[in-house]
């Protein structure tokens, strides 16, 4: 992660998140935004990672999330908030957040969770991860009857490893627009809307999501 955008209106918390982000990614350049307006302007630089607070004086962090997902799809977007209720979690993940971290955790845990992004593991606070697992457990085996093509399976495996669309395209020898189309089809078939959910489904389907892949 070379460029990290932190959207947080509380100055002390913003500086704390900057320290945590630098502990996870020491070579990163940090861009701080204290409002949604400033965050929108900073998003034009297309950061590699965005840490986004939900409650802001001039709006919702979900607006920046939507902007980044539309205009900078390769940006990894992680919600950093004190709001952990189901409505906020569902709203963030359904709009494409690739992580959801609660700010009541200690520095070491947050640093660890952010570092896992480089391994393709969604940055989810343990309580949020448990809530997601309980959701899928309670709603049943939604993937039981889903049939993915071999190419869709290849794409799902790679995005679950954390590869960006362009990297998946290079890996599979496809156009990036073709990869985008496959991802839309995968999301539709699985009934999901974020890479965090895609990673969970890939594990559930028994796909190899570590860096080791078959030589083919």
Protein backbone atom coordinates (compact mmCIF):
# COMPACT_ATOMS: atom_id res chain seq x y z
CA UNK A 1 0.00 0.00 0.00
CA UNK A 2 1.78 3.15 -1.20
CA UNK A 3 -0.91 5.78 -0.76
CA UNK A 4 -3.36 5.68 2.14
CA UNK A 5 -6.29 8.05 2.59
CA UNK A 6 -7.72 8.46 6.09
CA UNK A 7 -11.16 10.04 6.35
CA UNK A 8 -11.81 10.93 9.98
CA UNK A 9 -13.18 14.15 11.45
CA UNK A 10 -11.62 13.83 14.93
CA UNK A 11 -8.01 15.07 14.70
CA UNK A 12 -6.65 12.90 17.52
CA UNK A 13 -8.28 9.77 16.09
CA UNK A 14 -7.04 10.67 12.61
CA UNK A 15 -3.45 10.91 13.85
CA UNK A 16 -3.85 7.61 15.72
CA UNK A 17 -5.12 5.86 12.58
CA UNK A 18 -2.20 7.32 10.65
CA UNK A 19 0.22 5.76 13.15
CA UNK A 20 -1.56 2.41 12.90
CA UNK A 21 -1.53 2.55 9.09
CA UNK A 22 2.19 3.35 9.05
CA UNK A 23 2.87 0.51 11.46
CA UNK A 24 1.17 -1.83 8.98
CA UNK A 25 2.67 -0.24 5.87
CA UNK A 26 5.85 1.67 6.85
CA UNK A 27 6.60 2.98 3.35
CA UNK A 28 3.13 4.39 2.73
CA UNK A 29 2.30 8.05 2.14
CA UNK A 30 -0.61 9.20 4.29
CA UNK A 31 -3.29 11.64 3.12
CA UNK A 32 -5.59 12.91 5.87
CA UNK A 33 -9.10 14.26 5.34
CA UNK A 34 -11.20 15.75 8.11
CA UNK A 35 -14.44 16.02 6.14
CA UNK A 36 -16.32 14.36 3.32
CA UNK A 37 -15.59 17.35 1.09
CA UNK A 38 -11.85 17.06 1.64
CA UNK A 39 -12.06 13.29 1.28
CA UNK A 40 -13.72 13.59 -2.11
CA UNK A 41 -10.95 15.85 -3.33
CA UNK A 42 -8.27 13.52 -1.95
CA UNK A 43 -9.93 10.54 -3.64
CA UNK A 44 -8.92 11.97 -7.00
CA UNK A 45 -5.39 10.73 -6.27
CA UNK A 46 -6.77 7.16 -6.36
CA UNK A 47 -5.24 5.87 -3.12
CA UNK A 48 -4.30 2.23 -2.70
CA UNK A 49 -6.13 2.07 0.63
CA UNK A 50 -8.86 4.23 2.15
CA UNK A 51 -9.78 4.11 5.84
CA UNK A 52 -13.25 5.60 6.04
CA UNK A 53 -15.23 6.80 9.04
CA UNK A 54 -19.00 6.60 8.68
CA UNK A 55 -20.26 9.56 10.69
CA UNK A 56 -18.94 12.91 9.46
CA UNK A 57 -20.08 16.49 10.04
CA UNK A 58 -20.90 17.02 6.36
CA UNK A 59 -22.26 13.61 5.42
CA UNK A 60 -21.68 9.88 5.46
CA UNK A 61 -18.46 8.04 4.73
CA UNK A 62 -20.56 5.73 2.57
CA UNK A 63 -20.66 8.53 0.01
CA UNK A 64 -16.87 8.41 -0.30
CA UNK A 65 -17.00 4.62 -0.42
CA UNK A 66 -19.42 4.78 -3.35
CA UNK A 67 -17.29 7.39 -5.11
CA UNK A 68 -14.15 5.28 -4.79
CA UNK A 69 -15.87 2.07 -5.88
CA UNK A 70 -17.14 3.86 -9.00
CA UNK A 71 -14.08 5.91 -9.93
CA UNK A 72 -11.18 4.02 -8.35
CA UNK A 73 -12.17 0.34 -8.21
CA UNK A 74 -8.65 -0.78 -7.34
CA UNK A 75 -8.72 1.18 -4.07
CA UNK A 76 -9.14 -1.08 -1.06
CA UNK A 77 -11.84 0.51 1.11
CA UNK A 78 -12.01 -0.28 4.82
CA UNK A 79 -14.54 1.21 7.21
CA UNK A 80 -13.05 2.40 10.51
CA UNK A 81 -15.78 3.32 12.94
CA UNK A 82 -17.32 2.90 16.38
CA UNK A 83 -20.63 1.97 14.72
CA UNK A 84 -20.96 -1.81 14.73
CA UNK A 85 -24.69 -2.40 14.37
CA UNK A 86 -26.02 -4.67 11.64
CA UNK A 87 -27.47 -1.85 9.54
CA UNK A 88 -24.10 -0.11 9.24
CA UNK A 89 -22.21 -3.33 8.52
CA UNK A 90 -24.67 -4.44 5.84
CA UNK A 91 -24.75 -0.99 4.27
CA UNK A 92 -20.96 -0.82 4.05
CA UNK A 93 -20.40 -4.35 2.75
CA UNK A 94 -23.25 -4.09 0.26
CA UNK A 95 -21.63 -0.98 -1.20
CA UNK A 96 -18.32 -2.74 -1.67
CA UNK A 97 -16.29 -2.19 1.50
CA UNK A 98 -13.45 -4.71 1.76
CA UNK A 99 -13.11 -4.45 5.49
CA UNK A 100 -14.86 -3.20 8.61
CA UNK A 101 -12.78 -2.28 11.67
CA UNK A 102 -14.05 -1.10 15.01
CA UNK A 103 -11.96 1.64 16.58
CA UNK A 104 -12.25 0.25 20.10
CA UNK A 105 -9.52 -2.31 19.32
CA UNK A 106 -5.90 -1.88 20.32
CA UNK A 107 -3.15 -0.77 17.97
CA UNK A 108 -1.60 -4.23 17.62
CA UNK A 109 -4.85 -5.86 16.52
CA UNK A 110 -5.69 -3.13 14.00
CA UNK A 111 -2.16 -3.24 12.59
CA UNK A 112 -2.40 -7.02 12.22
CA UNK A 113 -5.77 -6.83 10.48
CA UNK A 114 -4.55 -4.16 8.06
CA UNK A 115 -1.42 -6.16 7.20
CA UNK A 116 -3.63 -9.10 6.27
CA UNK A 117 -5.00 -7.07 3.37
CA UNK A 118 -1.73 -7.77 1.55
CA UNK A 119 -2.52 -11.49 1.83
CA UNK A 120 -5.98 -11.07 0.36
CA UNK A 121 -7.68 -11.43 3.75
CA UNK A 122 -10.48 -8.93 4.43
CA UNK A 123 -9.79 -6.58 7.34
CA UNK A 124 -12.64 -7.49 9.66
CA UNK A 125 -12.81 -6.98 13.39
CA UNK A 126 -13.41 -10.37 15.04
CA UNK A 127 -16.87 -9.40 16.25
CA UNK A 128 -17.83 -8.30 12.73
CA UNK A 129 -16.42 -11.50 11.20
CA UNK A 130 -18.46 -13.58 13.64
CA UNK A 131 -21.57 -11.61 12.77
CA UNK A 132 -21.05 -12.25 9.06
CA UNK A 133 -20.46 -15.96 9.68
CA UNK A 134 -23.61 -16.16 11.79
CA UNK A 135 -25.55 -14.41 9.05
CA UNK A 136 -24.57 -16.98 6.43
CA UNK A 137 -25.09 -19.83 8.87
CA UNK A 138 -28.59 -18.62 9.66
CA UNK A 139 -29.52 -17.98 6.02
CA UNK A 140 -28.40 -21.44 4.93
CA UNK A 141 -26.11 -22.81 2.21
CA UNK A 142 -26.71 -20.13 -0.41
CA UNK A 143 -23.95 -21.53 -2.65
CA UNK A 144 -25.15 -25.13 -2.65
CA UNK A 145 -26.89 -24.91 -6.02
CA UNK A 146 -24.66 -22.25 -7.55
CA UNK A 147 -22.75 -23.37 -10.63
CA UNK A 148 -19.73 -21.27 -11.56
CA UNK A 149 -17.93 -21.80 -14.83
CA UNK A 150 -14.26 -22.77 -14.71
CA UNK A 151 -13.26 -19.23 -15.70
CA UNK A 152 -15.53 -17.71 -13.05
CA UNK A 153 -13.94 -20.03 -10.50
CA UNK A 154 -10.48 -18.88 -11.58
CA UNK A 155 -11.50 -15.23 -11.21
CA UNK A 156 -13.13 -15.82 -7.81
CA UNK A 157 -9.99 -17.56 -6.55
CA UNK A 158 -7.78 -14.66 -7.59
CA UNK A 159 -9.96 -11.83 -6.26
CA UNK A 160 -10.29 -13.73 -2.98
CA UNK A 161 -6.49 -13.67 -2.82
CA UNK A 162 -6.67 -9.89 -3.00
CA UNK A 163 -5.65 -9.37 -6.62
CA UNK A 164 -7.02 -6.28 -8.32
CA UNK A 165 -8.97 -6.47 -11.55
CA UNK A 166 -5.95 -5.51 -13.64
CA UNK A 167 -3.80 -8.14 -11.90
CA UNK A 168 -6.44 -10.82 -12.45
CA UNK A 169 -6.57 -9.85 -16.12
CA UNK A 170 -2.80 -10.21 -16.43
CA UNK A 171 -2.77 -13.52 -14.56
CA UNK A 172 -5.46 -15.04 -16.77
CA UNK A 173 -4.54 -13.34 -20.03
CA UNK A 174 -7.85 -11.52 -20.30
CA UNK A 175 -8.95 -7.95 -20.90
CA UNK A 176 -9.72 -6.04 -17.72
CA UNK A 177 -13.24 -5.34 -18.96
CA UNK A 178 -13.75 -9.10 -19.38
CA UNK A 179 -12.64 -9.68 -15.79
CA UNK A 180 -15.08 -6.99 -14.61
CA UNK A 181 -17.86 -8.83 -16.43
CA UNK A 182 -16.94 -12.12 -14.79
CA UNK A 183 -16.93 -10.50 -11.35
CA UNK A 184 -20.41 -9.08 -11.93
CA UNK A 185 -21.63 -12.55 -12.94
CA UNK A 186 -20.00 -14.12 -9.87
CA UNK A 187 -21.55 -11.55 -7.55
CA UNK A 188 -24.97 -12.09 -9.14
CA UNK A 189 -24.79 -15.88 -8.87
CA UNK A 190 -23.58 -15.83 -5.26
CA UNK A 191 -25.89 -13.01 -4.21
CA UNK A 192 -23.02 -10.90 -2.89
CA UNK A 193 -21.70 -7.39 -3.46
CA UNK A 194 -18.21 -7.15 -1.97
CA UNK A 195 -14.81 -8.81 -2.07
CA UNK A 196 -15.05 -9.56 1.63
CA UNK A 197 -18.03 -11.80 0.89
CA UNK A 198 -16.29 -13.21 -2.19
CA UNK A 199 -13.33 -14.27 -0.05
CA UNK A 200 -15.64 -16.00 2.40
CA UNK A 201 -17.46 -17.84 -0.39
CA UNK A 202 -14.18 -18.87 -2.03
CA UNK A 203 -13.11 -20.50 1.24
CA UNK A 204 -16.49 -22.10 1.62
CA UNK A 205 -16.24 -23.53 -1.90
CA UNK A 206 -12.86 -25.02 -1.08
CA UNK A 207 -10.91 -22.84 -3.50
CA UNK A 208 -7.20 -22.32 -2.98
CA UNK A 209 -6.89 -18.66 -1.99
CA UNK A 210 -3.31 -18.63 -0.72
CA UNK A 211 -0.47 -17.29 -2.81
CA UNK A 212 0.36 -20.81 -3.93
CA UNK A 213 -1.38 -21.79 -7.14
CA UNK A 214 -1.17 -24.72 -9.49
CA UNK A 215 1.30 -24.40 -12.34
CA UNK A 216 -1.01 -24.23 -15.29
